[in-house]
N, C-alpha and C. Protein backbone atom coordinates (compact mmCIF):
# COMPACT_ATOMS: atom_id res chain seq x y z
N MET A 1 5.14 -26.31 6.16
CA MET A 1 4.64 -25.84 4.89
C MET A 1 3.70 -24.65 5.15
N SER A 2 3.91 -23.57 4.38
CA SER A 2 3.10 -22.37 4.58
C SER A 2 1.88 -22.38 3.67
N THR A 3 0.83 -21.77 4.17
CA THR A 3 -0.41 -21.69 3.40
C THR A 3 -0.37 -20.50 2.45
N TYR A 4 -1.34 -20.43 1.58
CA TYR A 4 -1.46 -19.31 0.64
C TYR A 4 -1.52 -17.99 1.41
N TYR A 5 -2.31 -17.94 2.48
CA TYR A 5 -2.50 -16.70 3.23
C TYR A 5 -1.23 -16.29 3.97
N GLN A 6 -0.47 -17.26 4.44
CA GLN A 6 0.81 -16.93 5.09
C GLN A 6 1.79 -16.35 4.08
N ARG A 7 1.82 -16.92 2.87
CA ARG A 7 2.71 -16.38 1.83
C ARG A 7 2.27 -14.99 1.40
N LYS A 8 0.96 -14.79 1.28
CA LYS A 8 0.44 -13.47 0.90
C LYS A 8 0.77 -12.44 1.98
N GLU A 9 0.60 -12.81 3.22
CA GLU A 9 0.91 -11.91 4.32
C GLU A 9 2.39 -11.55 4.33
N ALA A 10 3.26 -12.50 4.04
CA ALA A 10 4.70 -12.23 3.96
C ALA A 10 5.00 -11.24 2.84
N ARG A 11 4.32 -11.38 1.70
CA ARG A 11 4.52 -10.45 0.58
C ARG A 11 4.03 -9.04 0.94
N ILE A 12 2.93 -8.95 1.66
CA ILE A 12 2.40 -7.66 2.08
C ILE A 12 3.37 -6.99 3.05
N GLN A 13 3.88 -7.75 4.01
CA GLN A 13 4.85 -7.20 4.97
C GLN A 13 6.12 -6.72 4.27
N ALA A 14 6.59 -7.48 3.29
CA ALA A 14 7.79 -7.07 2.54
C ALA A 14 7.53 -5.79 1.75
N ALA A 15 6.34 -5.68 1.17
CA ALA A 15 6.00 -4.46 0.42
C ALA A 15 5.91 -3.26 1.35
N MET A 16 5.33 -3.45 2.54
CA MET A 16 5.23 -2.35 3.51
C MET A 16 6.60 -1.86 3.94
N ALA A 17 7.55 -2.76 4.03
CA ALA A 17 8.89 -2.41 4.48
C ALA A 17 9.66 -1.60 3.44
N THR A 18 9.26 -1.69 2.17
CA THR A 18 10.05 -1.05 1.12
C THR A 18 9.30 0.00 0.31
N LEU A 19 8.02 0.23 0.57
CA LEU A 19 7.29 1.21 -0.23
C LEU A 19 7.71 2.63 0.14
N THR A 20 7.58 3.54 -0.82
CA THR A 20 7.87 4.95 -0.58
C THR A 20 6.65 5.78 -0.99
N ILE A 21 6.40 6.85 -0.25
CA ILE A 21 5.29 7.75 -0.51
C ILE A 21 5.85 9.02 -1.15
N ASN A 22 5.23 9.45 -2.25
CA ASN A 22 5.67 10.65 -2.96
C ASN A 22 4.47 11.51 -3.32
N THR A 23 4.74 12.76 -3.65
CA THR A 23 3.71 13.68 -4.10
C THR A 23 4.20 14.41 -5.33
N ASP A 24 3.31 14.59 -6.32
CA ASP A 24 3.62 15.39 -7.49
C ASP A 24 2.42 16.30 -7.78
N ILE A 25 2.39 16.91 -8.95
CA ILE A 25 1.30 17.84 -9.25
C ILE A 25 -0.06 17.16 -9.36
N PHE A 26 -0.06 15.84 -9.55
CA PHE A 26 -1.31 15.09 -9.68
C PHE A 26 -1.82 14.55 -8.35
N GLY A 27 -1.02 14.60 -7.31
CA GLY A 27 -1.44 14.11 -6.01
C GLY A 27 -0.41 13.20 -5.37
N THR A 28 -0.85 12.44 -4.40
CA THR A 28 0.01 11.56 -3.64
C THR A 28 -0.04 10.15 -4.20
N PHE A 29 1.11 9.48 -4.21
CA PHE A 29 1.17 8.11 -4.69
C PHE A 29 2.27 7.36 -3.95
N ALA A 30 2.16 6.06 -3.97
CA ALA A 30 3.17 5.19 -3.36
C ALA A 30 3.87 4.40 -4.45
N LEU A 31 5.16 4.23 -4.32
CA LEU A 31 5.91 3.36 -5.22
C LEU A 31 6.17 2.07 -4.45
N VAL A 32 5.60 0.98 -4.95
CA VAL A 32 5.65 -0.31 -4.27
C VAL A 32 6.32 -1.32 -5.19
N PRO A 33 7.38 -1.97 -4.72
CA PRO A 33 8.02 -2.97 -5.57
C PRO A 33 7.13 -4.19 -5.80
N SER A 34 7.38 -4.88 -6.88
CA SER A 34 6.62 -6.09 -7.20
C SER A 34 6.75 -7.09 -6.06
N THR A 35 5.65 -7.75 -5.74
CA THR A 35 5.68 -8.74 -4.66
C THR A 35 5.76 -10.16 -5.21
N SER A 36 5.81 -10.27 -6.52
CA SER A 36 5.95 -11.59 -7.14
C SER A 36 7.35 -11.71 -7.73
N LYS A 37 7.55 -12.63 -8.61
CA LYS A 37 8.86 -12.83 -9.21
C LYS A 37 9.17 -11.81 -10.29
N ARG A 38 8.19 -10.98 -10.64
CA ARG A 38 8.41 -9.94 -11.64
C ARG A 38 9.34 -8.86 -11.07
N ILE A 39 10.08 -8.25 -11.95
CA ILE A 39 10.95 -7.16 -11.53
C ILE A 39 10.27 -5.86 -11.91
N GLY A 40 10.15 -4.96 -10.99
CA GLY A 40 9.54 -3.68 -11.28
C GLY A 40 8.93 -3.03 -10.06
N VAL A 41 8.50 -1.80 -10.26
CA VAL A 41 7.88 -1.02 -9.21
C VAL A 41 6.53 -0.53 -9.75
N TYR A 42 5.50 -0.63 -8.93
CA TYR A 42 4.17 -0.21 -9.33
C TYR A 42 3.79 1.07 -8.58
N SER A 43 3.01 1.91 -9.23
CA SER A 43 2.56 3.15 -8.64
C SER A 43 1.12 2.98 -8.14
N VAL A 44 0.91 3.29 -6.87
CA VAL A 44 -0.40 3.20 -6.26
C VAL A 44 -0.92 4.62 -6.01
N THR A 45 -2.02 4.97 -6.63
CA THR A 45 -2.62 6.29 -6.44
C THR A 45 -3.34 6.32 -5.10
N ILE A 46 -3.13 7.39 -4.34
CA ILE A 46 -3.68 7.49 -3.00
C ILE A 46 -4.76 8.58 -2.97
N ASN A 47 -5.92 8.23 -2.43
CA ASN A 47 -7.04 9.16 -2.27
C ASN A 47 -6.96 9.74 -0.87
N GLU A 48 -6.85 11.07 -0.79
CA GLU A 48 -6.72 11.74 0.51
C GLU A 48 -7.94 12.55 0.89
N THR A 49 -9.10 12.21 0.36
CA THR A 49 -10.30 13.00 0.63
C THR A 49 -10.89 12.75 2.01
N GLY A 50 -10.60 11.61 2.62
CA GLY A 50 -11.15 11.28 3.93
C GLY A 50 -10.18 11.57 5.06
N LYS A 51 -10.51 11.11 6.25
CA LYS A 51 -9.63 11.30 7.41
C LYS A 51 -8.36 10.49 7.29
N VAL A 52 -8.48 9.28 6.74
CA VAL A 52 -7.32 8.41 6.54
C VAL A 52 -7.17 8.16 5.05
N PRO A 53 -6.01 8.47 4.47
CA PRO A 53 -5.80 8.20 3.04
C PRO A 53 -5.91 6.70 2.75
N PHE A 54 -6.31 6.39 1.50
CA PHE A 54 -6.41 4.98 1.12
C PHE A 54 -6.00 4.81 -0.34
N ALA A 55 -5.59 3.59 -0.68
CA ALA A 55 -5.16 3.27 -2.04
C ALA A 55 -6.38 3.21 -2.95
N GLU A 56 -6.26 3.88 -4.10
CA GLU A 56 -7.39 3.93 -5.03
C GLU A 56 -7.15 3.10 -6.28
N ARG A 57 -5.94 3.18 -6.84
CA ARG A 57 -5.60 2.44 -8.06
C ARG A 57 -4.15 2.00 -8.00
N CYS A 58 -3.83 0.97 -8.79
CA CYS A 58 -2.46 0.48 -8.89
C CYS A 58 -2.16 0.19 -10.37
N THR A 59 -0.91 0.33 -10.74
CA THR A 59 -0.52 0.09 -12.13
C THR A 59 -0.14 -1.36 -12.39
N CYS A 60 -0.24 -2.23 -11.39
CA CYS A 60 0.09 -3.64 -11.60
C CYS A 60 -0.97 -4.30 -12.49
N PRO A 61 -0.64 -5.38 -13.16
CA PRO A 61 -1.62 -6.04 -14.04
C PRO A 61 -2.89 -6.49 -13.32
N GLY A 62 -2.77 -6.95 -12.09
CA GLY A 62 -3.94 -7.42 -11.35
C GLY A 62 -4.98 -6.35 -11.17
N ASN A 63 -4.55 -5.12 -10.85
CA ASN A 63 -5.49 -4.04 -10.65
C ASN A 63 -5.81 -3.31 -11.94
N ALA A 64 -4.80 -3.02 -12.73
CA ALA A 64 -5.01 -2.24 -13.95
C ALA A 64 -5.88 -2.97 -14.97
N GLU A 65 -5.70 -4.27 -15.10
CA GLU A 65 -6.43 -5.03 -16.11
C GLU A 65 -7.69 -5.70 -15.57
N HIS A 66 -7.64 -6.13 -14.31
CA HIS A 66 -8.76 -6.92 -13.77
C HIS A 66 -9.54 -6.20 -12.68
N GLY A 67 -8.99 -5.11 -12.15
CA GLY A 67 -9.70 -4.34 -11.13
C GLY A 67 -9.70 -4.96 -9.75
N CYS A 68 -8.90 -5.99 -9.53
CA CYS A 68 -8.90 -6.62 -8.20
C CYS A 68 -8.01 -5.83 -7.24
N ARG A 69 -8.27 -5.97 -5.96
CA ARG A 69 -7.48 -5.29 -4.92
C ARG A 69 -6.19 -6.08 -4.73
N CYS A 70 -5.08 -5.48 -5.11
CA CYS A 70 -3.79 -6.18 -5.12
C CYS A 70 -3.04 -6.01 -3.80
N THR A 71 -1.97 -6.77 -3.64
CA THR A 71 -1.16 -6.69 -2.42
C THR A 71 -0.49 -5.33 -2.29
N HIS A 72 -0.21 -4.65 -3.41
CA HIS A 72 0.40 -3.33 -3.36
C HIS A 72 -0.54 -2.32 -2.71
N MET A 73 -1.84 -2.43 -3.04
CA MET A 73 -2.84 -1.54 -2.46
C MET A 73 -3.07 -1.88 -0.98
N ILE A 74 -3.09 -3.15 -0.66
CA ILE A 74 -3.28 -3.56 0.73
C ILE A 74 -2.11 -3.07 1.59
N ALA A 75 -0.89 -3.20 1.08
CA ALA A 75 0.30 -2.75 1.82
C ALA A 75 0.25 -1.24 2.03
N THR A 76 -0.17 -0.49 1.01
CA THR A 76 -0.27 0.97 1.12
C THR A 76 -1.34 1.35 2.15
N ASP A 77 -2.49 0.70 2.10
CA ASP A 77 -3.55 0.98 3.08
C ASP A 77 -3.08 0.69 4.49
N ARG A 78 -2.42 -0.43 4.69
CA ARG A 78 -1.95 -0.77 6.03
C ARG A 78 -0.91 0.22 6.53
N MET A 79 -0.06 0.71 5.62
CA MET A 79 0.95 1.69 6.03
C MET A 79 0.28 2.96 6.53
N PHE A 80 -0.73 3.45 5.80
CA PHE A 80 -1.43 4.66 6.23
C PHE A 80 -2.22 4.42 7.51
N LEU A 81 -2.84 3.27 7.64
CA LEU A 81 -3.59 2.96 8.85
C LEU A 81 -2.67 2.89 10.06
N ARG A 82 -1.52 2.26 9.89
CA ARG A 82 -0.55 2.16 10.99
C ARG A 82 -0.04 3.54 11.38
N THR A 83 0.24 4.39 10.39
CA THR A 83 0.74 5.74 10.67
C THR A 83 -0.32 6.57 11.36
N SER A 84 -1.56 6.53 10.90
CA SER A 84 -2.61 7.33 11.52
C SER A 84 -2.94 6.84 12.92
N MET A 85 -2.87 5.54 13.18
CA MET A 85 -3.10 5.02 14.53
C MET A 85 -1.99 5.48 15.47
N TYR A 86 -0.74 5.54 14.98
CA TYR A 86 0.38 6.01 15.79
C TYR A 86 0.17 7.48 16.17
N VAL A 87 -0.22 8.30 15.20
CA VAL A 87 -0.45 9.73 15.45
C VAL A 87 -1.62 9.90 16.43
N PHE A 88 -2.69 9.12 16.25
CA PHE A 88 -3.85 9.20 17.13
C PHE A 88 -3.45 8.87 18.58
N ARG A 89 -2.68 7.82 18.76
CA ARG A 89 -2.25 7.44 20.11
C ARG A 89 -1.36 8.51 20.74
N ARG A 90 -0.48 9.10 19.93
CA ARG A 90 0.39 10.17 20.43
C ARG A 90 -0.43 11.37 20.86
N MET A 91 -1.49 11.69 20.11
CA MET A 91 -2.33 12.84 20.45
C MET A 91 -3.10 12.57 21.74
N GLN A 92 -3.51 11.33 21.96
CA GLN A 92 -4.24 10.99 23.20
C GLN A 92 -3.33 11.04 24.41
N ALA A 93 -2.04 10.76 24.22
CA ALA A 93 -1.10 10.74 25.34
C ALA A 93 -0.76 12.14 25.83
N VAL A 94 -0.99 13.13 25.01
CA VAL A 94 -0.62 14.51 25.39
C VAL A 94 -1.64 15.13 26.29
């Protein structure tokens, strides 16, 4: 039997595997599919003012209505952190 945290981690991993990063005239955003039984894709606004971009807002009900940090934002943050760590390691190897 899996715990709440194991199920949440599985949802985050699934979201990381399928999210896409896009840019438009308003900035950078990620399209992340719903991690629950709902059907849909949520848009996560990405703040690029620092060294590592991070998720700022999400259009899912959890974040849009309640302001909580959702799995879509966590998945987006982890994707950027993983990418920046890969680039950092590659730069050190040169």
